Amino acid sequence: MYKPAVAAAGLPADFRFHDLRHTCASLTLSVSGGNFYRVKERLGHADIQTTVNTYGHLVPHADEAIARSLSKLFEAADSPKICGRGD
Protein backbone atom coordinates (compact mmCIF):
# COMPACT_ATOMS: atom_id res chain seq x y z
CA MET A 1 0.00 0.00 0.00
CA TYR A 2 2.85 2.41 0.82
CA LYS A 3 4.90 1.81 -2.35
CA PRO A 4 1.94 2.47 -4.70
CA ALA A 5 1.18 5.68 -2.79
CA VAL A 6 4.81 6.79 -3.15
CA ALA A 7 4.68 6.09 -6.88
CA ALA A 8 1.32 7.86 -7.27
CA ALA A 9 2.72 10.91 -5.47
CA GLY A 10 5.63 11.01 -7.90
CA LEU A 11 8.18 10.50 -5.13
CA PRO A 12 11.41 8.55 -5.62
CA ALA A 13 11.07 4.78 -5.19
CA ASP A 14 13.53 4.87 -2.29
CA PHE A 15 11.39 7.37 -0.34
CA ARG A 16 11.07 5.85 3.14
CA PHE A 17 8.15 6.11 5.51
CA HIS A 18 10.55 7.70 8.01
CA ASP A 19 11.14 10.50 5.48
CA LEU A 20 7.53 11.55 6.14
CA ARG A 21 8.36 11.93 9.83
CA HIS A 22 11.40 14.03 8.99
CA THR A 23 9.26 16.21 6.71
CA CYS A 24 6.70 16.65 9.48
CA ALA A 25 9.45 17.71 11.90
CA SER A 26 10.89 20.12 9.34
CA LEU A 27 7.54 21.74 8.62
CA THR A 28 6.68 21.95 12.32
CA LEU A 29 9.99 23.70 13.02
CA SER A 30 9.29 26.10 10.20
CA VAL A 31 5.76 27.09 11.23
CA SER A 32 6.60 27.19 14.94
CA GLY A 33 9.51 29.58 14.49
CA GLY A 34 12.06 26.94 15.43
CA ASN A 35 10.32 25.70 18.56
CA PHE A 36 12.15 22.44 19.28
CA TYR A 37 9.92 21.68 22.26
CA ARG A 38 6.85 21.51 20.01
CA VAL A 39 8.66 19.17 17.62
CA LYS A 40 9.82 17.04 20.56
CA GLU A 41 6.26 16.71 21.78
CA ARG A 42 4.83 15.98 18.33
CA LEU A 43 7.41 13.29 17.57
CA GLY A 44 7.35 11.80 21.04
CA HIS A 45 11.04 12.18 21.78
CA ALA A 46 11.84 11.44 25.41
CA ASP A 47 14.66 13.97 25.43
CA ILE A 48 14.87 17.37 23.72
CA GLN A 49 18.54 16.68 22.97
CA THR A 50 17.41 13.99 20.51
CA THR A 51 15.29 16.55 18.72
CA VAL A 52 18.00 19.19 18.61
CA ASN A 53 20.68 16.72 17.50
CA THR A 54 18.46 15.37 14.73
CA TYR A 55 16.84 18.56 13.43
CA GLY A 56 19.09 21.37 14.65
CA HIS A 57 20.68 21.77 11.24
CA LEU A 58 17.29 22.92 9.90
CA VAL A 59 17.38 26.18 11.86
CA PRO A 60 20.97 27.42 11.57
CA HIS A 61 19.98 31.04 12.10
CA ALA A 62 17.69 30.45 15.06
CA ASP A 63 20.00 32.25 17.48
CA GLU A 64 20.10 35.31 15.23
CA ALA A 65 16.30 35.33 15.05
CA ILE A 66 16.07 35.09 18.84
CA ALA A 67 18.52 37.96 19.25
CA ARG A 68 16.49 40.12 16.83
CA SER A 69 13.26 39.29 18.66
CA LEU A 70 14.77 40.13 22.04
CA SER A 71 16.10 43.43 20.69
CA LYS A 72 12.61 44.32 19.47
CA LEU A 73 11.17 43.39 22.85
CA PHE A 74 13.68 45.58 24.69
CA GLU A 75 13.00 48.47 22.32
CA ALA A 76 9.27 48.08 22.85
CA ALA A 77 9.77 48.07 26.62
CA ASP A 78 10.74 51.73 26.37
CA SER A 79 7.34 52.50 24.90
CA PRO A 80 5.02 54.29 27.33
CA LYS A 81 2.07 52.12 26.28
CA ILE A 82 3.77 48.85 27.11
CA CYS A 83 5.06 50.13 30.43
CA GLY A 84 1.63 51.40 31.40
CA ARG A 85 2.62 55.06 31.15
CA GLY A 86 0.73 57.60 29.13
CA ASP A 87 -2.58 55.75 28.93
C-alpha atoms as a PDB file:
ATOM      1  CA  MET A   1       0.000   0.000   0.000  1.00  0.00           C
ATOM      2  CA  TYR A   2       2.851   2.414   0.819  1.00  0.00           C
ATOM      3  CA  LYS A   3       4.900   1.808  -2.352  1.00  0.00           C
ATOM      4  CA  PRO A   4       1.941   2.470  -4.696  1.00  0.00           C
ATOM      5  CA  ALA A   5       1.177   5.683  -2.791  1.00  0.00           C
ATOM      6  CA  VAL A   6       4.814   6.787  -3.148  1.00  0.00           C
ATOM      7  CA  ALA A   7       4.682   6.095  -6.877  1.00  0.00           C
ATOM      8  CA  ALA A   8       1.320   7.856  -7.267  1.00  0.00           C
ATOM      9  CA  ALA A   9       2.721  10.914  -5.472  1.00  0.00           C
ATOM     10  CA  GLY A  10       5.627  11.007  -7.897  1.00  0.00           C
ATOM     11  CA  LEU A  11       8.178  10.501  -5.133  1.00  0.00           C
ATOM     12  CA  PRO A  12      11.415   8.552  -5.621  1.00  0.00           C
ATOM     13  CA  ALA A  13      11.066   4.782  -5.192  1.00  0.00           C
ATOM     14  CA  ASP A  14      13.531   4.866  -2.287  1.00  0.00           C
ATOM     15  CA  PHE A  15      11.393   7.369  -0.343  1.00  0.00           C
ATOM     16  CA  ARG A  16      11.074   5.854   3.141  1.00  0.00           C
ATOM     17  CA  PHE A  17       8.150   6.106   5.515  1.00  0.00           C
ATOM     18  CA  HIS A  18      10.550   7.696   8.010  1.00  0.00           C
ATOM     19  CA  ASP A  19      11.140  10.497   5.481  1.00  0.00           C
ATOM     20  CA  LEU A  20       7.531  11.553   6.139  1.00  0.00           C
ATOM     21  CA  ARG A  21       8.360  11.925   9.827  1.00  0.00           C
ATOM     22  CA  HIS A  22      11.402  14.034   8.992  1.00  0.00           C
ATOM     23  CA  THR A  23       9.257  16.206   6.708  1.00  0.00           C
ATOM     24  CA  CYS A  24       6.697  16.654   9.481  1.00  0.00           C
ATOM     25  CA  ALA A  25       9.445  17.708  11.899  1.00  0.00           C
ATOM     26  CA  SER A  26      10.894  20.117   9.342  1.00  0.00           C
ATOM     27  CA  LEU A  27       7.540  21.744   8.621  1.00  0.00           C
ATOM     28  CA  THR A  28       6.685  21.948  12.320  1.00  0.00           C
ATOM     29  CA  LEU A  29       9.991  23.700  13.022  1.00  0.00           C
ATOM     30  CA  SER A  30       9.290  26.096  10.202  1.00  0.00           C
ATOM     31  CA  VAL A  31       5.763  27.093  11.229  1.00  0.00           C
ATOM     32  CA  SER A  32       6.597  27.193  14.945  1.00  0.00           C
ATOM     33  CA  GLY A  33       9.507  29.576  14.487  1.00  0.00           C
ATOM     34  CA  GLY A  34      12.065  26.939  15.431  1.00  0.00           C
ATOM     35  CA  ASN A  35      10.318  25.697  18.562  1.00  0.00           C
ATOM     36  CA  PHE A  36      12.148  22.442  19.277  1.00  0.00           C
ATOM     37  CA  TYR A  37       9.923  21.683  22.263  1.00  0.00           C
ATOM     38  CA  ARG A  38       6.846  21.514  20.010  1.00  0.00           C
ATOM     39  CA  VAL A  39       8.663  19.172  17.616  1.00  0.00           C
ATOM     40  CA  LYS A  40       9.824  17.036  20.559  1.00  0.00           C
ATOM     41  CA  GLU A  41       6.258  16.707  21.785  1.00  0.00           C
ATOM     42  CA  ARG A  42       4.825  15.985  18.329  1.00  0.00           C
ATOM     43  CA  LEU A  43       7.406  13.291  17.569  1.00  0.00           C
ATOM     44  CA  GLY A  44       7.346  11.798  21.042  1.00  0.00           C
ATOM     45  CA  HIS A  45      11.038  12.176  21.777  1.00  0.00           C
ATOM     46  CA  ALA A  46      11.844  11.437  25.413  1.00  0.00           C
ATOM     47  CA  ASP A  47      14.664  13.974  25.435  1.00  0.00           C
ATOM     48  CA  ILE A  48      14.870  17.373  23.721  1.00  0.00           C
ATOM     49  CA  GLN A  49      18.544  16.676  22.972  1.00  0.00           C
ATOM     50  CA  THR A  50      17.413  13.990  20.513  1.00  0.00           C
ATOM     51  CA  THR A  51      15.288  16.548  18.720  1.00  0.00           C
ATOM     52  CA  VAL A  52      18.002  19.192  18.610  1.00  0.00           C
ATOM     53  CA  ASN A  53      20.677  16.717  17.503  1.00  0.00           C
ATOM     54  CA  THR A  54      18.456  15.372  14.726  1.00  0.00           C
ATOM     55  CA  TYR A  55      16.844  18.556  13.432  1.00  0.00           C
ATOM     56  CA  GLY A  56      19.092  21.373  14.653  1.00  0.00           C
ATOM     57  CA  HIS A  57      20.676  21.768  11.241  1.00  0.00           C
ATOM     58  CA  LEU A  58      17.288  22.920   9.905  1.00  0.00           C
ATOM     59  CA  VAL A  59      17.383  26.183  11.862  1.00  0.00           C
ATOM     60  CA  PRO A  60      20.966  27.422  11.566  1.00  0.00           C
ATOM     61  CA  HIS A  61      19.979  31.040  12.098  1.00  0.00           C
ATOM     62  CA  ALA A  62      17.686  30.448  15.065  1.00  0.00           C
ATOM     63  CA  ASP A  63      19.998  32.248  17.482  1.00  0.00           C
ATOM     64  CA  GLU A  64      20.103  35.307  15.233  1.00  0.00           C
ATOM     65  CA  ALA A  65      16.304  35.329  15.050  1.00  0.00           C
ATOM     66  CA  ILE A  66      16.072  35.092  18.839  1.00  0.00           C
ATOM     67  CA  ALA A  67      18.518  37.965  19.249  1.00  0.00           C
ATOM     68  CA  ARG A  68      16.489  40.125  16.835  1.00  0.00           C
ATOM     69  CA  SER A  69      13.256  39.290  18.662  1.00  0.00           C
ATOM     70  CA  LEU A  70      14.775  40.134  22.039  1.00  0.00           C
ATOM     71  CA  SER A  71      16.098  43.430  20.690  1.00  0.00           C
ATOM     72  CA  LYS A  72      12.608  44.325  19.466  1.00  0.00           C
ATOM     73  CA  LEU A  73      11.165  43.395  22.846  1.00  0.00           C
ATOM     74  CA  PHE A  74      13.677  45.581  24.687  1.00  0.00           C
ATOM     75  CA  GLU A  75      13.002  48.470  22.316  1.00  0.00           C
ATOM     76  CA  ALA A  76       9.267  48.084  22.846  1.00  0.00           C
ATOM     77  CA  ALA A  77       9.775  48.070  26.622  1.00  0.00           C
ATOM     78  CA  ASP A  78      10.744  51.731  26.374  1.00  0.00           C
ATOM     79  CA  SER A  79       7.340  52.495  24.896  1.00  0.00           C
ATOM     80  CA  PRO A  80       5.016  54.292  27.328  1.00  0.00           C
ATOM     81  CA  LYS A  81       2.069  52.124  26.283  1.00  0.00           C
ATOM     82  CA  ILE A  82       3.771  48.851  27.115  1.00  0.00           C
ATOM     83  CA  CYS A  83       5.057  50.131  30.434  1.00  0.00           C
ATOM     84  CA  GLY A  84       1.628  51.402  31.396  1.00  0.00           C
ATOM     85  CA  ARG A  85       2.618  55.058  31.152  1.00  0.00           C
ATOM     86  CA  GLY A  86       0.735  57.596  29.131  1.00  0.00           C
ATOM     87  CA  ASP A  87      -2.575  55.745  28.926  1.00  0.00           C
END
